[in-house]
Amino acid sequence: MSPATVVEVYPPGLARRGNAEWKALHDTALTPNYGPRRIALVRGQGSRVWDADGKEYLDFLTGISVNNLGHCHPRVTEAIREQAGTLVHCTNLYYIPVQIELAHLLTQHCFAERVFFANSGAEANEAAIKIARRWARENRGPHVNHIVSMRGSFHGRTVTTLSATGQDKVWKNFYPLARHFYFAPFNDLAAVERLMNPRTCAVIVEPIQGEGGIHPATPEFLEGLRRLCSERRVLLIFDEVQCGLGRAGSLFAHQAYRVEPDIMTLAKSLGGGLAMGAMLTSAAVAEAFPPGSHASTMGGNPLTSAAALAYLKELIGGDYAGQARETGEYFFDRLEAALAGCDNVIDIRGRGLMIGIEIRRGGPGIVQACEEAGLLINLTAGTTLRLMPPLNVAREDIDAAVDILVPRLRAAED
């Protein structure tokens, strides 16, 4: 079945309304913070989704790197169904066996020895900031609380993670922000070093900036950050909320750089489509979170942990990170060949299946034209088309996406 085919897709129990009807109902019930949209999605399978009018799309956004194995992966879906019929939620006042198993699987495949589970990337980054400041207070002194972040970064929308985000546009009208966050240009090690002082407790960085326009860190930058942080007893935090878990062609993005952080944050795809975040660190740093110092009512509950465990087992066992690396190379080659000489293209960049096309003009129109033709992508940082298909996307689907995207991108040159 090709994209843009119209079929009957409504699941049982959902009122049969079209896109326009859902828009009208939405506008009378929800806050307007997400802005106008054109379609209501009602079903997904693999790399495809269908809207309320029955139209089919290639999903090359995957819920912003959430559905990394595509929609309704059978093993994840079965794990959710089974757990939902057993125990959906209990508080972290009790041991949660499936959560414990998940934590062990995560720590077996990275630098970390301890895990704290939350519900989102913002909460994971909140936990990282809190534990870094508390560790520094206990190990270096009460005034060691400064954090260096990067221009163009994105770490969440709570007041604290907003304050750690290096984009002026997201700060607007939310002052006062949290104090003691300082910003260096991304990939500028000398600038980071100039900002570090005796009160610096942590440096937070995305190995690949996602919302900032799909900008990978250079190896020299991450290696230099590791050296500076080690020399000064400053904790290095890697935010892998968007770029982690196979997306960049390795299980964790930093592993391709062969640089280990002190703290790492995960979310988005971690829950297999359900809401989950995690903060991972060493046993030594984890000592800064004694009982009562931090908590989450819903974090790592049985349902989300079961989905995450099934997802992670499939991700690791199926070597989807390797698939993303190989398929990403194919995608890059197709785009570079098809867009050669296109005046509207400034750069094509990224790693694995996390790809950005920086353009000079026409971004919103290109996104809409692709949507109308059956391809879902989005625009980030104002000028970068973001492409993040499932890690197991078929090459035929990549070919179809290129065939939709390229003529619409070239048409914006006129």
Foldseek 3Di string as FASTA:
>chain_A
DDFFDADDDADPPDDQDFQVVVVVVCVVPDDCVVDDDRFAWHDWDFQWTATSRRGIFGEQCCVPQAQQRTPPDPLLVVLLVVLVVPPFFDFPVDDQVLLVVLQVVVVVVAVFDDKDKAFAQLVLVVVVLLLLQLLCCVPPHNQQRAEEEEALAARDLDLARLVQYRDPVSCPPVPPGDDRYHYDHAQDLVRVVVPDDSSHREYEYECFGALSFGRHHDLVNLVSVLVVCVVNVHFYEYECANPACLQQLDNGVCVVSVHHGQKYKYFRNQQSNGGMIMITGYPSSCVSQDPPNDGYGGTSTNSSSSSNVSVSCCSVVVVLSNLLQVVVVVLVVLVCVLCVPQQQWDDWDHGRQWIKTFGDDDQVVLQVQLVSVRYHWHDHNNGIITGGTHSPDDVVVSVSSCVRRRVSSSVRVD
